[in-house]
């Protein structure tokens, strides 16, 4: 179980999509309770790039893992 996402990251659907399109990601975290219509494009890009995808139960939990005070639908760890 992950307690905190470490390393450089981007949080949120728009920032994650932008980073994925620029080939910056190494691992994608997705909240299971996020709106699937919003997640589908992100998941497709991640799958096309063969990124590891980890599902987190809730958006609130993903926000906590990211160290922010709000919920998050996605988070992307940036390549080092």
PDB file of N, CA and C in Angstrom:
ATOM      1  N   UNK A   1       0.844  -1.196   0.000  1.00  0.00           N
ATOM      2  CA  UNK A   1       0.000   0.000   0.000  1.00  0.00           C
ATOM      3  C   UNK A   1       0.879   1.246   0.000  1.00  0.00           C
ATOM      4  N   UNK A   2       0.596   2.141  -0.889  1.00  0.00           N
ATOM      5  CA  UNK A   2       1.329   3.396  -1.005  1.00  0.00           C
ATOM      6  C   UNK A   2       0.812   4.356   0.065  1.00  0.00           C
ATOM      7  N   UNK A   3       1.722   5.050   0.738  1.00  0.00           N
ATOM      8  CA  UNK A   3       1.298   6.033   1.731  1.00  0.00           C
ATOM      9  C   UNK A   3       1.481   7.459   1.239  1.00  0.00           C
ATOM     10  N   UNK A   4       2.399   7.650   0.289  1.00  0.00           N
ATOM     11  CA  UNK A   4       2.641   8.975  -0.276  1.00  0.00           C
ATOM     12  C   UNK A   4       3.348   8.794  -1.607  1.00  0.00           C
ATOM     13  N   UNK A   5       2.922   9.531  -2.597  1.00  0.00           N
ATOM     14  CA  UNK A   5       3.595   9.457  -3.895  1.00  0.00           C
ATOM     15  C   UNK A   5       4.871  10.289  -3.812  1.00  0.00           C
ATOM     16  N   UNK A   6       5.993   9.670  -4.136  1.00  0.00           N
ATOM     17  CA  UNK A   6       7.268  10.372  -4.047  1.00  0.00           C
ATOM     18  C   UNK A   6       7.771  10.729  -5.441  1.00  0.00           C
ATOM     19  N   UNK A   7       8.631  11.686  -5.478  1.00  0.00           N
ATOM     20  CA  UNK A   7       9.199  12.133  -6.740  1.00  0.00           C
ATOM     21  C   UNK A   7       8.379  13.259  -7.344  1.00  0.00           C
ATOM     22  N   UNK A   8       8.881  13.765  -8.458  1.00  0.00           N
ATOM     23  CA  UNK A   8       8.180  14.844  -9.154  1.00  0.00           C
ATOM     24  C   UNK A   8       6.917  14.282  -9.781  1.00  0.00           C
ATOM     25  N   UNK A   9       5.828  15.022  -9.679  1.00  0.00           N
ATOM     26  CA  UNK A   9       4.554  14.545 -10.207  1.00  0.00           C
ATOM     27  C   UNK A   9       3.701  15.708 -10.673  1.00  0.00           C
ATOM     28  N   UNK A  10       2.699  15.370 -11.474  1.00  0.00           N
ATOM     29  CA  UNK A  10       1.649  16.317 -11.834  1.00  0.00           C
ATOM     30  C   UNK A  10       0.341  15.703 -11.360  1.00  0.00           C
ATOM     31  N   UNK A  11      -0.585  16.570 -10.986  1.00  0.00           N
ATOM     32  CA  UNK A  11      -1.858  16.118 -10.433  1.00  0.00           C
ATOM     33  C   UNK A  11      -2.991  16.768 -11.212  1.00  0.00           C
ATOM     34  N   UNK A  12      -4.006  15.978 -11.515  1.00  0.00           N
ATOM     35  CA  UNK A  12      -5.170  16.501 -12.216  1.00  0.00           C
ATOM     36  C   UNK A  12      -5.193  16.053 -13.666  1.00  0.00           C
ATOM     37  N   UNK A  13      -6.385  16.019 -14.216  1.00  0.00           N
ATOM     38  CA  UNK A  13      -6.581  15.484 -15.561  1.00  0.00           C
ATOM     39  C   UNK A  13      -5.864  16.318 -16.626  1.00  0.00           C
ATOM     40  N   UNK A  14      -6.006  17.630 -16.594  1.00  0.00           N
ATOM     41  CA  UNK A  14      -5.390  18.473 -17.630  1.00  0.00           C
ATOM     42  C   UNK A  14      -3.867  18.385 -17.597  1.00  0.00           C
ATOM     43  N   UNK A  15      -3.289  18.491 -16.398  1.00  0.00           N
ATOM     44  CA  UNK A  15      -1.828  18.448 -16.282  1.00  0.00           C
ATOM     45  C   UNK A  15      -1.290  17.066 -16.644  1.00  0.00           C
ATOM     46  N   UNK A  16      -2.034  16.023 -16.244  1.00  0.00           N
ATOM     47  CA  UNK A  16      -1.614  14.659 -16.567  1.00  0.00           C
ATOM     48  C   UNK A  16      -1.637  14.433 -18.077  1.00  0.00           C
ATOM     49  N   UNK A  17      -2.704  14.855 -18.743  1.00  0.00           N
ATOM     50  CA  UNK A  17      -2.805  14.684 -20.196  1.00  0.00           C
ATOM     51  C   UNK A  17      -1.667  15.402 -20.908  1.00  0.00           C
ATOM     52  N   UNK A  18      -1.378  16.617 -20.487  1.00  0.00           N
ATOM     53  CA  UNK A  18      -0.300  17.394 -21.111  1.00  0.00           C
ATOM     54  C   UNK A  18       1.049  16.699 -20.938  1.00  0.00           C
ATOM     55  N   UNK A  19       1.327  16.223 -19.728  1.00  0.00           N
ATOM     56  CA  UNK A  19       2.600  15.547 -19.460  1.00  0.00           C
ATOM     57  C   UNK A  19       2.700  14.234 -20.240  1.00  0.00           C
ATOM     58  N   UNK A  20       1.589  13.494 -20.332  1.00  0.00           N
ATOM     59  CA  UNK A  20       1.594  12.240 -21.089  1.00  0.00           C
ATOM     60  C   UNK A  20       1.875  12.491 -22.573  1.00  0.00           C
ATOM     61  N   UNK A  21       1.251  13.510 -23.130  1.00  0.00           N
ATOM     62  CA  UNK A  21       1.459  13.830 -24.543  1.00  0.00           C
ATOM     63  C   UNK A  21       2.904  14.225 -24.831  1.00  0.00           C
ATOM     64  N   UNK A  22       3.589  14.758 -23.797  1.00  0.00           N
ATOM     65  CA  UNK A  22       4.991  15.161 -23.941  1.00  0.00           C
ATOM     66  C   UNK A  22       5.962  14.058 -23.506  1.00  0.00           C
ATOM     67  N   UNK A  23       5.444  12.834 -23.320  1.00  0.00           N
ATOM     68  CA  UNK A  23       6.277  11.677 -22.926  1.00  0.00           C
ATOM     69  C   UNK A  23       7.028  11.884 -21.624  1.00  0.00           C
ATOM     70  N   UNK A  24       6.407  12.509 -20.651  1.00  0.00           N
ATOM     71  CA  UNK A  24       7.088  12.793 -19.394  1.00  0.00           C
ATOM     72  C   UNK A  24       6.779  11.800 -18.287  1.00  0.00           C
ATOM     73  N   UNK A  25       5.783  10.949 -18.480  1.00  0.00           N
ATOM     74  CA  UNK A  25       5.318  10.093 -17.392  1.00  0.00           C
ATOM     75  C   UNK A  25       6.032   8.769 -17.261  1.00  0.00           C
ATOM     76  N   UNK A  26       6.038   8.249 -16.009  1.00  0.00           N
ATOM     77  CA  UNK A  26       6.578   6.912 -15.771  1.00  0.00           C
ATOM     78  C   UNK A  26       5.552   6.002 -15.102  1.00  0.00           C
ATOM     79  N   UNK A  27       4.611   6.575 -14.333  1.00  0.00           N
ATOM     80  CA  UNK A  27       3.575   5.765 -13.684  1.00  0.00           C
ATOM     81  C   UNK A  27       2.345   6.639 -13.473  1.00  0.00           C
ATOM     82  N   UNK A  28       1.178   6.070 -13.803  1.00  0.00           N
ATOM     83  CA  UNK A  28      -0.079   6.792 -13.697  1.00  0.00           C
ATOM     84  C   UNK A  28      -0.905   6.244 -12.547  1.00  0.00           C
ATOM     85  N   UNK A  29      -1.447   7.137 -11.752  1.00  0.00           N
ATOM     86  CA  UNK A  29      -2.381   6.780 -10.683  1.00  0.00           C
ATOM     87  C   UNK A  29      -3.746   7.345 -11.052  1.00  0.00           C
ATOM     88  N   UNK A  30      -4.785   6.513 -10.920  1.00  0.00           N
ATOM     89  CA  UNK A  30      -6.135   6.895 -11.309  1.00  0.00           C
ATOM     90  C   UNK A  30      -7.096   6.538 -10.181  1.00  0.00           C
ATOM     91  N   UNK A  31      -7.985   7.467  -9.849  1.00  0.00           N
ATOM     92  CA  UNK A  31      -9.004   7.202  -8.829  1.00  0.00           C
ATOM     93  C   UNK A  31     -10.153   6.419  -9.455  1.00  0.00           C
ATOM     94  N   UNK A  32     -10.553   5.325  -8.804  1.00  0.00           N
ATOM     95  CA  UNK A  32     -11.632   4.476  -9.324  1.00  0.00           C
ATOM     96  C   UNK A  32     -12.973   5.193  -9.381  1.00  0.00           C
ATOM     97  N   UNK A  33     -13.187   6.178  -8.496  1.00  0.00           N
ATOM     98  CA  UNK A  33     -14.487   6.851  -8.455  1.00  0.00           C
ATOM     99  C   UNK A  33     -14.541   8.119  -9.316  1.00  0.00           C
ATOM    100  N   UNK A  34     -13.506   8.351 -10.101  1.00  0.00           N
ATOM    101  CA  UNK A  34     -13.498   9.511 -11.006  1.00  0.00           C
ATOM    102  C   UNK A  34     -14.408   9.233 -12.204  1.00  0.00           C
ATOM    103  N   UNK A  35     -14.856  10.297 -12.853  1.00  0.00           N
ATOM    104  CA  UNK A  35     -15.735  10.193 -14.021  1.00  0.00           C
ATOM    105  C   UNK A  35     -14.992   9.505 -15.168  1.00  0.00           C
ATOM    106  N   UNK A  36     -15.492   8.347 -15.568  1.00  0.00           N
ATOM    107  CA  UNK A  36     -14.827   7.553 -16.595  1.00  0.00           C
ATOM    108  C   UNK A  36     -14.738   8.281 -17.937  1.00  0.00           C
ATOM    109  N   UNK A  37     -15.708   9.132 -18.244  1.00  0.00           N
ATOM    110  CA  UNK A  37     -15.648   9.891 -19.501  1.00  0.00           C
ATOM    111  C   UNK A  37     -14.415  10.784 -19.541  1.00  0.00           C
ATOM    112  N   UNK A  38     -14.014  11.295 -18.383  1.00  0.00           N
ATOM    113  CA  UNK A  38     -12.827  12.148 -18.320  1.00  0.00           C
ATOM    114  C   UNK A  38     -11.539  11.326 -18.317  1.00  0.00           C
ATOM    115  N   UNK A  39     -11.610  10.123 -17.755  1.00  0.00           N
ATOM    116  CA  UNK A  39     -10.417   9.290 -17.642  1.00  0.00           C
ATOM    117  C   UNK A  39     -10.064   8.539 -18.923  1.00  0.00           C
ATOM    118  N   UNK A  40     -11.052   8.239 -19.742  1.00  0.00           N
ATOM    119  CA  UNK A  40     -10.804   7.412 -20.927  1.00  0.00           C
ATOM    120  C   UNK A  40      -9.661   7.911 -21.812  1.00  0.00           C
ATOM    121  N   UNK A  41      -9.607   9.212 -22.154  1.00  0.00           N
ATOM    122  CA  UNK A  41      -8.487   9.667 -22.996  1.00  0.00           C
ATOM    123  C   UNK A  41      -7.129   9.492 -22.316  1.00  0.00           C
ATOM    124  N   UNK A  42      -7.079   9.726 -21.022  1.00  0.00           N
ATOM    125  CA  UNK A  42      -5.828   9.585 -20.259  1.00  0.00           C
ATOM    126  C   UNK A  42      -5.392   8.120 -20.255  1.00  0.00           C
ATOM    127  N   UNK A  43      -6.338   7.224 -19.981  1.00  0.00           N
ATOM    128  CA  UNK A  43      -6.025   5.798 -19.930  1.00  0.00           C
ATOM    129  C   UNK A  43      -5.573   5.283 -21.292  1.00  0.00           C
ATOM    130  N   UNK A  44      -6.153   5.803 -22.364  1.00  0.00           N
ATOM    131  CA  UNK A  44      -5.759   5.383 -23.710  1.00  0.00           C
ATOM    132  C   UNK A  44      -4.320   5.813 -24.005  1.00  0.00           C
ATOM    133  N   UNK A  45      -3.996   7.053 -23.680  1.00  0.00           N
ATOM    134  CA  UNK A  45      -2.627   7.538 -23.918  1.00  0.00           C
ATOM    135  C   UNK A  45      -1.635   6.707 -23.101  1.00  0.00           C
ATOM    136  N   UNK A  46      -1.966   6.465 -21.838  1.00  0.00           N
ATOM    137  CA  UNK A  46      -1.073   5.692 -20.965  1.00  0.00           C
ATOM    138  C   UNK A  46      -0.882   4.273 -21.495  1.00  0.00           C
ATOM    139  N   UNK A  47      -1.968   3.659 -21.953  1.00  0.00           N
ATOM    140  CA  UNK A  47      -1.869   2.307 -22.502  1.00  0.00           C
ATOM    141  C   UNK A  47      -1.027   2.300 -23.778  1.00  0.00           C
ATOM    142  N   UNK A  48      -1.206   3.302 -24.635  1.00  0.00           N
ATOM    143  CA  UNK A  48      -0.424   3.401 -25.870  1.00  0.00           C
ATOM    144  C   UNK A  48       1.069   3.536 -25.573  1.00  0.00           C
ATOM    145  N   UNK A  49       1.391   4.148 -24.453  1.00  0.00           N
ATOM    146  CA  UNK A  49       2.791   4.357 -24.074  1.00  0.00           C
ATOM    147  C   UNK A  49       3.297   3.272 -23.125  1.00  0.00           C
ATOM    148  N   UNK A  50       2.457   2.252 -22.873  1.00  0.00           N
ATOM    149  CA  UNK A  50       2.805   1.112 -22.005  1.00  0.00           C
ATOM    150  C   UNK A  50       3.216   1.540 -20.602  1.00  0.00           C
ATOM    151  N   UNK A  51       2.528   2.546 -20.074  1.00  0.00           N
ATOM    152  CA  UNK A  51       2.807   2.994 -18.713  1.00  0.00           C
ATOM    153  C   UNK A  51       2.132   2.079 -17.704  1.00  0.00           C
ATOM    154  N   UNK A  52       2.754   1.948 -16.545  1.00  0.00           N
ATOM    155  CA  UNK A  52       2.125   1.228 -15.441  1.00  0.00           C
ATOM    156  C   UNK A  52       0.993   2.109 -14.904  1.00  0.00           C
ATOM    157  N   UNK A  53      -0.170   1.497 -14.679  1.00  0.00           N
ATOM    158  CA  UNK A  53      -1.334   2.223 -14.174  1.00  0.00           C
ATOM    159  C   UNK A  53      -1.763   1.578 -12.866  1.00  0.00           C
ATOM    160  N   UNK A  54      -1.882   2.398 -11.829  1.00  0.00           N
ATOM    161  CA  UNK A  54      -2.342   1.899 -10.533  1.00  0.00           C
ATOM    162  C   UNK A  54      -3.638   2.602 -10.168  1.00  0.00           C
ATOM    163  N   UNK A  55      -4.620   1.808  -9.774  1.00  0.00           N
ATOM    164  CA  UNK A  55      -5.909   2.370  -9.369  1.00  0.00           C
ATOM    165  C   UNK A  55      -5.921   2.604  -7.871  1.00  0.00           C
ATOM    166  N   UNK A  56      -6.456   3.765  -7.488  1.00  0.00           N
ATOM    167  CA  UNK A  56      -6.640   4.138  -6.090  1.00  0.00           C
ATOM    168  C   UNK A  56      -8.146   4.190  -5.854  1.00  0.00           C
ATOM    169  N   UNK A  57      -8.604   3.747  -4.702  1.00  0.00           N
ATOM    170  CA  UNK A  57     -10.038   3.607  -4.456  1.00  0.00           C
ATOM    171  C   UNK A  57     -10.839   4.888  -4.658  1.00  0.00           C
ATOM    172  N   UNK A  58     -10.370   6.009  -4.090  1.00  0.00           N
ATOM    173  CA  UNK A  58     -11.170   7.230  -4.169  1.00  0.00           C
ATOM    174  C   UNK A  58     -10.317   8.427  -4.578  1.00  0.00           C
ATOM    175  N   UNK A  59     -10.991   9.443  -5.098  1.00  0.00           N
ATOM    176  CA  UNK A  59     -10.312  10.690  -5.448  1.00  0.00           C
ATOM    177  C   UNK A  59      -9.737  11.353  -4.206  1.00  0.00           C
ATOM    178  N   UNK A  60     -10.465  11.274  -3.101  1.00  0.00           N
ATOM    179  CA  UNK A  60      -9.983  11.871  -1.856  1.00  0.00           C
ATOM    180  C   UNK A  60      -8.678  11.207  -1.411  1.00  0.00           C
ATOM    181  N   UNK A  61      -8.642   9.868  -1.486  1.00  0.00           N
ATOM    182  CA  UNK A  61      -7.438   9.130  -1.102  1.00  0.00           C
ATOM    183  C   UNK A  61      -6.258   9.488  -2.010  1.00  0.00           C
ATOM    184  N   UNK A  62      -6.510   9.632  -3.302  1.00  0.00           N
ATOM    185  CA  UNK A  62      -5.437  10.010  -4.227  1.00  0.00           C
ATOM    186  C   UNK A  62      -4.922  11.412  -3.910  1.00  0.00           C
ATOM    187  N   UNK A  63      -5.818  12.321  -3.556  1.00  0.00           N
ATOM    188  CA  UNK A  63      -5.392  13.660  -3.146  1.00  0.00           C
ATOM    189  C   UNK A  63      -4.469  13.612  -1.939  1.00  0.00           C
ATOM    190  N   UNK A  64      -4.815  12.791  -0.965  1.00  0.00           N
ATOM    191  CA  UNK A  64      -3.979  12.636   0.238  1.00  0.00           C
ATOM    192  C   UNK A  64      -2.615  12.065  -0.144  1.00  0.00           C
ATOM    193  N   UNK A  65      -2.609  11.052  -1.013  1.00  0.00           N
ATOM    194  CA  UNK A  65      -1.345  10.462  -1.456  1.00  0.00           C
ATOM    195  C   UNK A  65      -0.447  11.482  -2.148  1.00  0.00           C
ATOM    196  N   UNK A  66      -1.078  12.439  -2.810  1.00  0.00           N
ATOM    197  CA  UNK A  66      -0.327  13.490  -3.513  1.00  0.00           C
ATOM    198  C   UNK A  66       0.106  14.618  -2.586  1.00  0.00           C
ATOM    199  N   UNK A  67      -0.400  14.600  -1.353  1.00  0.00           N
ATOM    200  CA  UNK A  67      -0.043  15.649  -0.402  1.00  0.00           C
ATOM    201  C   UNK A  67      -0.803  16.937  -0.620  1.00  0.00           C
ATOM    202  N   UNK A  68      -2.014  16.838  -1.202  1.00  0.00           N
ATOM    203  CA  UNK A  68      -2.833  18.034  -1.412  1.00  0.00           C
ATOM    204  C   UNK A  68      -4.114  17.924  -0.597  1.00  0.00           C
ATOM    205  N   UNK A  69      -4.756  19.053  -0.363  1.00  0.00           N
ATOM    206  CA  UNK A  69      -5.948  19.103   0.485  1.00  0.00           C
ATOM    207  C   UNK A  69      -7.252  18.915  -0.279  1.00  0.00           C
ATOM    208  N   UNK A  70      -7.176  18.622  -1.555  1.00  0.00           N
ATOM    209  CA  UNK A  70      -8.379  18.423  -2.363  1.00  0.00           C
ATOM    210  C   UNK A  70      -8.302  17.057  -3.045  1.00  0.00           C
ATOM    211  N   UNK A  71      -9.417  16.617  -3.586  1.00  0.00           N
ATOM    212  CA  UNK A  71      -9.466  15.345  -4.297  1.00  0.00           C
ATOM    213  C   UNK A  71      -8.756  15.459  -5.633  1.00  0.00           C
ATOM    214  N   UNK A  72      -8.311  14.302  -6.150  1.00  0.00           N
ATOM    215  CA  UNK A  72      -7.641  14.276  -7.449  1.00  0.00           C
ATOM    216  C   UNK A  72      -8.101  13.051  -8.220  1.00  0.00           C
ATOM    217  N   UNK A  73      -8.382  13.231  -9.500  1.00  0.00           N
ATOM    218  CA  UNK A  73      -8.795  12.111 -10.351  1.00  0.00           C
ATOM    219  C   UNK A  73      -7.585  11.347 -10.861  1.00  0.00           C
ATOM    220  N   UNK A  74      -6.501  12.056 -11.159  1.00  0.00           N
ATOM    221  CA  UNK A  74      -5.295  11.419 -11.692  1.00  0.00           C
ATOM    222  C   UNK A  74      -4.040  12.057 -11.101  1.00  0.00           C
ATOM    223  N   UNK A  75      -2.984  11.294 -11.124  1.00  0.00           N
ATOM    224  CA  UNK A  75      -1.650  11.797 -10.781  1.00  0.00           C
ATOM    225  C   UNK A  75      -0.664  11.029 -11.646  1.00  0.00           C
ATOM    226  N   UNK A  76       0.380  11.702 -12.055  1.00  0.00           N
ATOM    227  CA  UNK A  76       1.387  11.088 -12.920  1.00  0.00           C
ATOM    228  C   UNK A  76       2.768  11.351 -12.344  1.00  0.00           C
ATOM    229  N   UNK A  77       3.513  10.270 -12.134  1.00  0.00           N
ATOM    230  CA  UNK A  77       4.900  10.410 -11.701  1.00  0.00           C
ATOM    231  C   UNK A  77       5.725  10.737 -12.949  1.00  0.00           C
ATOM    232  N   UNK A  78       6.548  11.775 -12.830  1.00  0.00           N
ATOM    233  CA  UNK A  78       7.374  12.249 -13.945  1.00  0.00           C
ATOM    234  C   UNK A  78       8.667  11.438 -13.998  1.00  0.00           C
ATOM    235  N   UNK A  79       9.107  11.110 -15.212  1.00  0.00           N
ATOM    236  CA  UNK A  79      10.361  10.386 -15.409  1.00  0.00           C
ATOM    237  C   UNK A  79      11.505  11.196 -14.829  1.00  0.00           C
ATOM    238  N   UNK A  80      12.462  10.470 -14.290  1.00  0.00           N
ATOM    239  CA  UNK A  80      13.642  11.150 -13.743  1.00  0.00           C
ATOM    240  C   UNK A  80      14.723  11.271 -14.779  1.00  0.00           C
TER     241      UNK A  80
END
